[in-house]
């Protein structure tokens, strides 16, 4: 159980060499980058940054996901991963809605209001508008955020 809990940590996720750019993307100094904005503004816990948004993925999803998660670890151990790293399926709003559904700032936002029903029922994706996610192939084009000492 301890290893399962440890696998939820950001440190574990980025221990795979192929995931290092995803960690770097959390430090992009541009508020349009969805993961960076959430990470830098403490909307997600830094120690579980990957897990919060990808909790239905790999080890933490259904049986098929667990098998894929073990495969990921295997490929990292043997250095046989392939790039680019990509999601198996389109990103679903359910992860976003875990925190945002019911939040006044989300539901009353003028850009969300016209599409709220569609976003809540999953027929419209949040990433249709919030489309700067990790962008690991473009990281060198953006400045980096340097957290203050102690953050």
N, C-alpha and C. Protein backbone atom coordinates (compact mmCIF):
# COMPACT_ATOMS: atom_id res chain seq x y z
N UNK A 1 0.82 -1.19 0.00
CA UNK A 1 0.00 0.00 0.00
C UNK A 1 0.87 1.26 0.00
N UNK A 2 1.99 1.20 0.71
CA UNK A 2 2.89 2.36 0.78
C UNK A 2 3.39 2.73 -0.62
N UNK A 3 3.74 1.72 -1.43
CA UNK A 3 4.23 2.00 -2.79
C UNK A 3 3.13 2.57 -3.67
N UNK A 4 1.92 2.10 -3.47
CA UNK A 4 0.78 2.61 -4.22
C UNK A 4 0.58 4.09 -3.92
N UNK A 5 0.64 4.46 -2.64
CA UNK A 5 0.49 5.86 -2.24
C UNK A 5 1.66 6.69 -2.77
N UNK A 6 2.86 6.14 -2.72
CA UNK A 6 4.03 6.86 -3.22
C UNK A 6 3.90 7.12 -4.72
N UNK A 7 3.25 6.20 -5.44
CA UNK A 7 3.08 6.35 -6.89
C UNK A 7 2.19 7.53 -7.24
N UNK A 8 1.47 8.08 -6.28
CA UNK A 8 0.64 9.26 -6.52
C UNK A 8 1.46 10.55 -6.47
N UNK A 9 2.68 10.48 -6.01
CA UNK A 9 3.48 11.68 -5.81
C UNK A 9 4.04 12.23 -7.12
N UNK A 10 4.16 13.54 -7.16
CA UNK A 10 4.77 14.20 -8.31
C UNK A 10 6.19 13.70 -8.50
N UNK A 11 6.90 13.52 -7.41
CA UNK A 11 8.28 13.03 -7.46
C UNK A 11 8.35 11.68 -8.18
N UNK A 12 7.41 10.79 -7.89
CA UNK A 12 7.39 9.48 -8.55
C UNK A 12 7.13 9.63 -10.04
N UNK A 13 6.13 10.44 -10.39
CA UNK A 13 5.75 10.60 -11.80
C UNK A 13 6.91 11.11 -12.63
N UNK A 14 7.62 12.09 -12.11
CA UNK A 14 8.70 12.69 -12.90
C UNK A 14 10.03 11.97 -12.71
N UNK A 15 10.02 10.88 -11.95
CA UNK A 15 11.25 10.09 -11.83
C UNK A 15 11.56 9.36 -13.14
N UNK A 16 10.55 9.22 -13.99
CA UNK A 16 10.77 8.68 -15.32
C UNK A 16 11.36 9.80 -16.18
N UNK A 17 12.49 9.53 -16.80
CA UNK A 17 13.19 10.53 -17.61
C UNK A 17 12.25 11.17 -18.63
N UNK A 18 11.41 10.38 -19.23
CA UNK A 18 10.53 10.87 -20.29
C UNK A 18 9.51 11.89 -19.75
N UNK A 19 9.26 11.90 -18.44
CA UNK A 19 8.29 12.82 -17.86
C UNK A 19 8.90 14.13 -17.37
N UNK A 20 10.21 14.29 -17.43
CA UNK A 20 10.85 15.52 -16.97
C UNK A 20 10.28 16.78 -17.63
N UNK A 21 10.04 16.79 -18.93
CA UNK A 21 9.47 18.01 -19.54
C UNK A 21 8.10 18.38 -18.97
N UNK A 22 7.34 17.40 -18.50
CA UNK A 22 6.04 17.70 -17.91
C UNK A 22 6.22 18.45 -16.59
N UNK A 23 7.25 18.09 -15.84
CA UNK A 23 7.57 18.84 -14.63
C UNK A 23 7.98 20.27 -15.00
N UNK A 24 8.82 20.41 -16.00
CA UNK A 24 9.26 21.73 -16.44
C UNK A 24 8.07 22.59 -16.86
N UNK A 25 7.05 21.97 -17.45
CA UNK A 25 5.90 22.74 -17.91
C UNK A 25 5.12 23.37 -16.76
N UNK A 26 5.29 22.87 -15.56
CA UNK A 26 4.62 23.45 -14.40
C UNK A 26 5.23 24.79 -14.02
N UNK A 27 6.43 25.06 -14.54
CA UNK A 27 7.15 26.29 -14.20
C UNK A 27 7.18 27.30 -15.34
N UNK A 28 6.33 27.12 -16.35
CA UNK A 28 6.24 28.09 -17.44
C UNK A 28 5.62 29.38 -16.87
N UNK A 29 6.22 30.50 -17.18
CA UNK A 29 5.75 31.79 -16.66
C UNK A 29 4.74 32.40 -17.64
N UNK A 30 3.61 31.73 -17.75
CA UNK A 30 2.55 32.18 -18.65
C UNK A 30 1.25 31.60 -18.11
N UNK A 31 0.38 32.46 -17.63
CA UNK A 31 -0.87 32.03 -17.01
C UNK A 31 -1.82 31.29 -17.92
N UNK A 32 -1.57 31.32 -19.23
CA UNK A 32 -2.43 30.57 -20.15
C UNK A 32 -2.16 29.08 -20.09
N UNK A 33 -0.99 28.67 -19.58
CA UNK A 33 -0.66 27.25 -19.46
C UNK A 33 -1.45 26.68 -18.29
N UNK A 34 -2.39 25.83 -18.57
CA UNK A 34 -3.31 25.32 -17.57
C UNK A 34 -2.60 24.64 -16.40
N UNK A 35 -1.71 23.68 -16.63
CA UNK A 35 -1.05 23.04 -15.48
C UNK A 35 -0.18 24.03 -14.69
N UNK A 36 0.51 24.93 -15.38
CA UNK A 36 1.36 25.90 -14.70
C UNK A 36 0.51 26.83 -13.83
N UNK A 37 -0.60 27.31 -14.36
CA UNK A 37 -1.47 28.21 -13.59
C UNK A 37 -2.00 27.53 -12.34
N UNK A 38 -2.39 26.27 -12.46
CA UNK A 38 -2.90 25.54 -11.30
C UNK A 38 -1.79 25.26 -10.30
N UNK A 39 -0.62 24.86 -10.76
CA UNK A 39 0.51 24.53 -9.90
C UNK A 39 1.03 25.78 -9.19
N UNK A 40 1.29 26.83 -9.93
CA UNK A 40 1.91 28.03 -9.37
C UNK A 40 0.98 28.80 -8.44
N UNK A 41 -0.31 28.66 -8.63
CA UNK A 41 -1.28 29.36 -7.78
C UNK A 41 -1.85 28.46 -6.69
N UNK A 42 -1.21 27.32 -6.49
CA UNK A 42 -1.57 26.37 -5.43
C UNK A 42 -3.03 25.92 -5.49
N UNK A 43 -3.53 25.79 -6.72
CA UNK A 43 -4.87 25.24 -6.91
C UNK A 43 -4.84 23.72 -6.81
N UNK A 44 -3.66 23.18 -6.92
CA UNK A 44 -3.43 21.74 -6.75
C UNK A 44 -2.25 21.59 -5.80
N UNK A 45 -2.20 20.51 -5.03
CA UNK A 45 -1.05 20.33 -4.13
C UNK A 45 0.20 19.96 -4.94
N UNK A 46 1.27 20.65 -4.72
CA UNK A 46 2.51 20.44 -5.48
C UNK A 46 3.00 19.00 -5.39
N UNK A 47 2.84 18.38 -4.24
CA UNK A 47 3.33 17.01 -4.06
C UNK A 47 2.53 15.97 -4.82
N UNK A 48 1.34 16.36 -5.31
CA UNK A 48 0.48 15.43 -6.04
C UNK A 48 -0.04 16.06 -7.33
N UNK A 49 0.76 16.93 -7.93
CA UNK A 49 0.33 17.71 -9.09
C UNK A 49 -0.12 16.82 -10.25
N UNK A 50 0.58 15.77 -10.54
CA UNK A 50 0.21 14.90 -11.66
C UNK A 50 -1.06 14.12 -11.33
N UNK A 51 -1.07 13.53 -10.14
CA UNK A 51 -2.18 12.68 -9.73
C UNK A 51 -3.52 13.42 -9.70
N UNK A 52 -3.53 14.67 -9.24
CA UNK A 52 -4.78 15.41 -9.11
C UNK A 52 -5.51 15.47 -10.45
N UNK A 53 -4.79 15.74 -11.52
CA UNK A 53 -5.43 15.88 -12.82
C UNK A 53 -5.49 14.58 -13.62
N UNK A 54 -4.70 13.61 -13.23
CA UNK A 54 -4.65 12.35 -13.98
C UNK A 54 -4.95 11.15 -13.08
N UNK A 55 -5.84 11.33 -12.12
CA UNK A 55 -6.13 10.26 -11.16
C UNK A 55 -6.86 9.08 -11.79
N UNK A 56 -7.46 9.26 -12.96
CA UNK A 56 -8.15 8.15 -13.62
C UNK A 56 -7.23 7.45 -14.61
N UNK A 57 -5.95 7.68 -14.50
CA UNK A 57 -4.99 7.25 -15.49
C UNK A 57 -4.01 6.26 -14.86
N UNK A 58 -3.55 5.35 -15.59
CA UNK A 58 -2.58 4.32 -15.21
C UNK A 58 -2.99 3.58 -13.95
N UNK A 59 -2.16 3.54 -12.93
CA UNK A 59 -2.37 2.70 -11.76
C UNK A 59 -3.67 3.01 -11.02
N UNK A 60 -4.23 4.17 -11.24
CA UNK A 60 -5.33 4.63 -10.42
C UNK A 60 -6.70 4.47 -11.08
N UNK A 61 -6.73 3.99 -12.28
CA UNK A 61 -7.98 3.79 -12.99
C UNK A 61 -8.47 2.36 -12.86
N UNK A 62 -9.13 1.88 -13.92
CA UNK A 62 -9.66 0.52 -13.90
C UNK A 62 -8.54 -0.49 -14.17
N UNK A 63 -8.89 -1.75 -14.33
CA UNK A 63 -7.90 -2.82 -14.50
C UNK A 63 -7.02 -2.58 -15.72
N UNK A 64 -7.62 -2.17 -16.85
CA UNK A 64 -6.82 -1.89 -18.04
C UNK A 64 -5.80 -0.78 -17.77
N UNK A 65 -6.22 0.24 -17.03
CA UNK A 65 -5.32 1.34 -16.69
C UNK A 65 -4.17 0.85 -15.80
N UNK A 66 -4.47 -0.02 -14.85
CA UNK A 66 -3.43 -0.55 -13.97
C UNK A 66 -2.39 -1.34 -14.78
N UNK A 67 -2.86 -2.11 -15.75
CA UNK A 67 -1.94 -2.86 -16.60
C UNK A 67 -1.06 -1.90 -17.39
N UNK A 68 -1.66 -0.84 -17.93
CA UNK A 68 -0.86 0.17 -18.64
C UNK A 68 0.14 0.83 -17.71
N UNK A 69 -0.26 1.10 -16.47
CA UNK A 69 0.64 1.71 -15.50
C UNK A 69 1.85 0.85 -15.23
N UNK A 70 1.63 -0.45 -15.07
CA UNK A 70 2.74 -1.37 -14.87
C UNK A 70 3.63 -1.39 -16.11
N UNK A 71 3.02 -1.34 -17.28
CA UNK A 71 3.78 -1.27 -18.53
C UNK A 71 4.65 -0.01 -18.58
N UNK A 72 4.12 1.12 -18.10
CA UNK A 72 4.89 2.37 -18.07
C UNK A 72 6.13 2.21 -17.20
N UNK A 73 5.94 1.63 -16.02
CA UNK A 73 7.08 1.41 -15.13
C UNK A 73 8.09 0.49 -15.80
N UNK A 74 7.61 -0.55 -16.41
CA UNK A 74 8.49 -1.51 -17.12
C UNK A 74 9.30 -0.80 -18.20
N UNK A 75 8.64 -0.01 -19.03
CA UNK A 75 9.34 0.71 -20.11
C UNK A 75 10.38 1.69 -19.54
N UNK A 76 10.06 2.31 -18.41
CA UNK A 76 11.04 3.21 -17.81
C UNK A 76 12.26 2.45 -17.32
N UNK A 77 12.02 1.32 -16.66
CA UNK A 77 13.14 0.51 -16.14
C UNK A 77 14.05 0.06 -17.28
N UNK A 78 13.46 -0.34 -18.39
CA UNK A 78 14.24 -0.86 -19.51
C UNK A 78 14.61 0.20 -20.54
N UNK A 79 14.13 1.43 -20.36
CA UNK A 79 14.46 2.51 -21.30
C UNK A 79 13.87 2.31 -22.68
N UNK A 80 12.69 1.70 -22.74
CA UNK A 80 12.08 1.39 -24.04
C UNK A 80 10.83 2.21 -24.32
N UNK A 81 10.68 3.36 -23.65
CA UNK A 81 9.50 4.18 -23.89
C UNK A 81 9.58 4.80 -25.28
N UNK A 82 8.45 5.28 -25.75
CA UNK A 82 8.43 5.95 -27.04
C UNK A 82 7.92 7.37 -26.85
N UNK A 83 8.36 8.24 -27.70
CA UNK A 83 7.91 9.63 -27.63
C UNK A 83 7.20 9.97 -28.92
N UNK A 84 6.30 10.90 -28.94
CA UNK A 84 5.94 11.73 -27.80
C UNK A 84 5.01 11.00 -26.85
N UNK A 85 5.07 11.38 -25.58
CA UNK A 85 4.16 10.84 -24.59
C UNK A 85 2.80 11.46 -24.87
N UNK A 86 1.77 10.64 -24.89
CA UNK A 86 0.43 11.13 -25.19
C UNK A 86 -0.60 10.37 -24.36
N UNK A 87 -1.73 10.99 -24.14
CA UNK A 87 -2.82 10.32 -23.45
C UNK A 87 -3.39 9.23 -24.36
N UNK A 88 -3.92 8.19 -23.75
CA UNK A 88 -4.54 7.11 -24.53
C UNK A 88 -5.87 7.54 -25.12
N UNK A 89 -6.57 8.39 -24.38
CA UNK A 89 -7.88 8.85 -24.80
C UNK A 89 -7.95 10.36 -24.57
N UNK A 90 -8.86 11.05 -25.23
CA UNK A 90 -8.98 12.49 -24.99
C UNK A 90 -9.22 12.78 -23.51
N UNK A 91 -8.70 13.90 -23.06
CA UNK A 91 -8.85 14.31 -21.66
C UNK A 91 -10.31 14.62 -21.37
N UNK A 92 -10.84 14.06 -20.31
CA UNK A 92 -12.25 14.26 -19.97
C UNK A 92 -12.40 15.36 -18.91
N UNK A 93 -13.49 16.05 -18.96
CA UNK A 93 -13.78 17.11 -18.01
C UNK A 93 -13.94 16.63 -16.58
N UNK A 94 -14.15 15.36 -16.38
CA UNK A 94 -14.42 14.88 -15.02
C UNK A 94 -13.33 15.29 -14.05
N UNK A 95 -12.08 15.28 -14.47
CA UNK A 95 -10.99 15.68 -13.58
C UNK A 95 -11.10 17.17 -13.25
N UNK A 96 -11.42 17.99 -14.23
CA UNK A 96 -11.58 19.43 -14.00
C UNK A 96 -12.75 19.68 -13.04
N UNK A 97 -13.84 18.95 -13.27
CA UNK A 97 -15.06 19.18 -12.51
C UNK A 97 -14.97 18.68 -11.07
N UNK A 98 -14.01 17.82 -10.78
CA UNK A 98 -13.81 17.39 -9.39
C UNK A 98 -13.65 18.61 -8.49
N UNK A 99 -12.96 19.63 -8.98
CA UNK A 99 -12.74 20.85 -8.20
C UNK A 99 -13.64 22.00 -8.63
N UNK A 100 -13.89 22.12 -9.93
CA UNK A 100 -14.56 23.32 -10.43
C UNK A 100 -16.09 23.26 -10.40
N UNK A 101 -16.68 22.08 -10.54
CA UNK A 101 -18.15 22.00 -10.53
C UNK A 101 -18.67 22.52 -9.19
N UNK A 102 -19.63 23.41 -9.28
CA UNK A 102 -20.21 23.98 -8.07
C UNK A 102 -19.49 25.23 -7.58
N UNK A 103 -18.30 25.48 -8.11
CA UNK A 103 -17.56 26.67 -7.71
C UNK A 103 -18.16 27.89 -8.40
N UNK A 104 -18.50 28.88 -7.64
CA UNK A 104 -19.12 30.08 -8.19
C UNK A 104 -18.25 30.72 -9.26
N UNK A 105 -16.94 30.82 -9.00
CA UNK A 105 -16.04 31.46 -9.96
C UNK A 105 -16.01 30.72 -11.29
N UNK A 106 -16.28 29.43 -11.27
CA UNK A 106 -16.32 28.63 -12.50
C UNK A 106 -17.68 28.77 -13.17
N UNK A 107 -18.73 28.52 -12.43
CA UNK A 107 -20.06 28.46 -13.01
C UNK A 107 -20.62 29.82 -13.41
N UNK A 108 -20.16 30.90 -12.76
CA UNK A 108 -20.65 32.23 -13.12
C UNK A 108 -19.69 32.98 -14.04
N UNK A 109 -18.59 32.36 -14.40
CA UNK A 109 -17.64 33.02 -15.30
C UNK A 109 -18.32 33.28 -16.64
N UNK A 110 -18.23 34.51 -17.17
CA UNK A 110 -18.93 34.83 -18.42
C UNK A 110 -18.55 33.95 -19.60
N UNK A 111 -17.32 33.46 -19.64
CA UNK A 111 -16.92 32.58 -20.74
C UNK A 111 -17.46 31.17 -20.57
N UNK A 112 -17.80 30.79 -19.35
CA UNK A 112 -18.30 29.44 -19.10
C UNK A 112 -19.82 29.35 -19.22
N UNK A 113 -20.50 30.40 -18.81
CA UNK A 113 -21.97 30.38 -18.74
C UNK A 113 -22.66 29.83 -19.97
N UNK A 114 -22.32 30.29 -21.19
CA UNK A 114 -23.05 29.79 -22.37
C UNK A 114 -22.87 28.29 -22.61
N UNK A 115 -21.81 27.72 -22.07
CA UNK A 115 -21.48 26.32 -22.34
C UNK A 115 -21.54 25.43 -21.11
N UNK A 116 -22.00 25.97 -20.01
CA UNK A 116 -21.94 25.26 -18.74
C UNK A 116 -22.62 23.89 -18.79
N UNK A 117 -23.81 23.82 -19.32
CA UNK A 117 -24.52 22.54 -19.38
C UNK A 117 -23.70 21.52 -20.17
N UNK A 118 -23.15 21.95 -21.31
CA UNK A 118 -22.36 21.04 -22.15
C UNK A 118 -21.07 20.61 -21.44
N UNK A 119 -20.46 21.52 -20.71
CA UNK A 119 -19.23 21.16 -19.99
C UNK A 119 -19.54 20.19 -18.86
N UNK A 120 -20.62 20.44 -18.14
CA UNK A 120 -20.98 19.57 -17.03
C UNK A 120 -21.40 18.18 -17.48
N UNK A 121 -22.02 18.07 -18.67
CA UNK A 121 -22.44 16.74 -19.13
C UNK A 121 -21.38 16.07 -20.01
N UNK A 122 -20.26 16.77 -20.25
CA UNK A 122 -19.14 16.17 -20.98
C UNK A 122 -19.21 16.25 -22.48
N UNK A 123 -20.17 16.99 -23.04
CA UNK A 123 -20.24 17.10 -24.49
C UNK A 123 -19.37 18.23 -25.03
N UNK A 124 -18.86 19.08 -24.16
CA UNK A 124 -17.90 20.12 -24.53
C UNK A 124 -16.71 19.97 -23.59
N UNK A 125 -15.52 19.97 -24.16
CA UNK A 125 -14.31 19.79 -23.37
C UNK A 125 -13.76 21.12 -22.89
N UNK A 126 -13.27 21.13 -21.67
CA UNK A 126 -12.61 22.33 -21.13
C UNK A 126 -11.38 22.69 -21.97
N UNK A 127 -10.70 21.68 -22.51
CA UNK A 127 -9.47 21.95 -23.26
C UNK A 127 -9.75 22.50 -24.66
N UNK A 128 -11.02 22.64 -25.02
CA UNK A 128 -11.33 23.32 -26.28
C UNK A 128 -10.92 24.78 -26.18
N UNK A 129 -11.07 25.36 -25.02
CA UNK A 129 -10.66 26.76 -24.80
C UNK A 129 -9.33 26.84 -24.05
N UNK A 130 -9.20 26.03 -23.02
CA UNK A 130 -7.97 26.00 -22.23
C UNK A 130 -7.01 25.00 -22.88
N UNK A 131 -6.51 25.39 -24.05
CA UNK A 131 -5.78 24.43 -24.89
C UNK A 131 -4.26 24.49 -24.76
N UNK A 132 -3.73 25.34 -23.90
CA UNK A 132 -2.30 25.30 -23.62
C UNK A 132 -2.11 24.45 -22.37
N UNK A 133 -1.79 23.21 -22.60
CA UNK A 133 -1.69 22.30 -21.47
C UNK A 133 -0.22 22.13 -21.13
N UNK A 134 0.41 21.06 -21.49
CA UNK A 134 1.83 20.90 -21.14
C UNK A 134 2.76 21.43 -22.24
N UNK A 135 2.39 21.27 -23.49
CA UNK A 135 3.16 21.82 -24.61
C UNK A 135 4.66 21.55 -24.48
N UNK A 136 5.02 20.31 -24.15
CA UNK A 136 6.42 20.01 -23.87
C UNK A 136 7.35 20.20 -25.06
N UNK A 137 6.81 20.19 -26.26
CA UNK A 137 7.65 20.40 -27.43
C UNK A 137 7.93 21.88 -27.69
N UNK A 138 7.32 22.77 -26.90
CA UNK A 138 7.50 24.21 -27.11
C UNK A 138 8.04 24.93 -25.87
N UNK A 139 8.49 24.21 -24.87
CA UNK A 139 8.89 24.82 -23.61
C UNK A 139 9.98 25.87 -23.76
N UNK A 140 10.86 25.68 -24.72
CA UNK A 140 11.97 26.62 -24.90
C UNK A 140 11.51 27.98 -25.40
N UNK A 141 10.27 28.11 -25.80
CA UNK A 141 9.74 29.38 -26.31
C UNK A 141 9.21 30.29 -25.20
N UNK A 142 9.13 29.78 -23.99
CA UNK A 142 8.50 30.52 -22.90
C UNK A 142 9.47 30.71 -21.74
N UNK A 143 9.27 31.80 -21.02
CA UNK A 143 10.07 32.06 -19.84
C UNK A 143 9.71 31.11 -18.71
N UNK A 144 10.59 31.01 -17.76
CA UNK A 144 10.39 30.12 -16.62
C UNK A 144 10.08 30.94 -15.37
N UNK A 145 9.19 30.40 -14.55
CA UNK A 145 8.87 31.00 -13.26
C UNK A 145 9.84 30.45 -12.24
N UNK A 146 10.40 31.36 -11.45
CA UNK A 146 11.31 30.97 -10.37
C UNK A 146 10.57 31.21 -9.06
N UNK A 147 10.19 30.14 -8.35
CA UNK A 147 9.48 30.35 -7.09
C UNK A 147 10.38 31.03 -6.07
N UNK A 148 9.77 31.79 -5.18
CA UNK A 148 10.53 32.44 -4.12
C UNK A 148 11.12 31.37 -3.21
N UNK A 149 12.20 31.71 -2.56
CA UNK A 149 12.85 30.75 -1.63
C UNK A 149 11.82 30.23 -0.63
N UNK A 150 11.84 28.94 -0.41
CA UNK A 150 10.94 28.32 0.53
C UNK A 150 9.64 27.83 -0.05
N UNK A 151 9.39 28.09 -1.34
CA UNK A 151 8.14 27.61 -1.95
C UNK A 151 8.34 26.25 -2.57
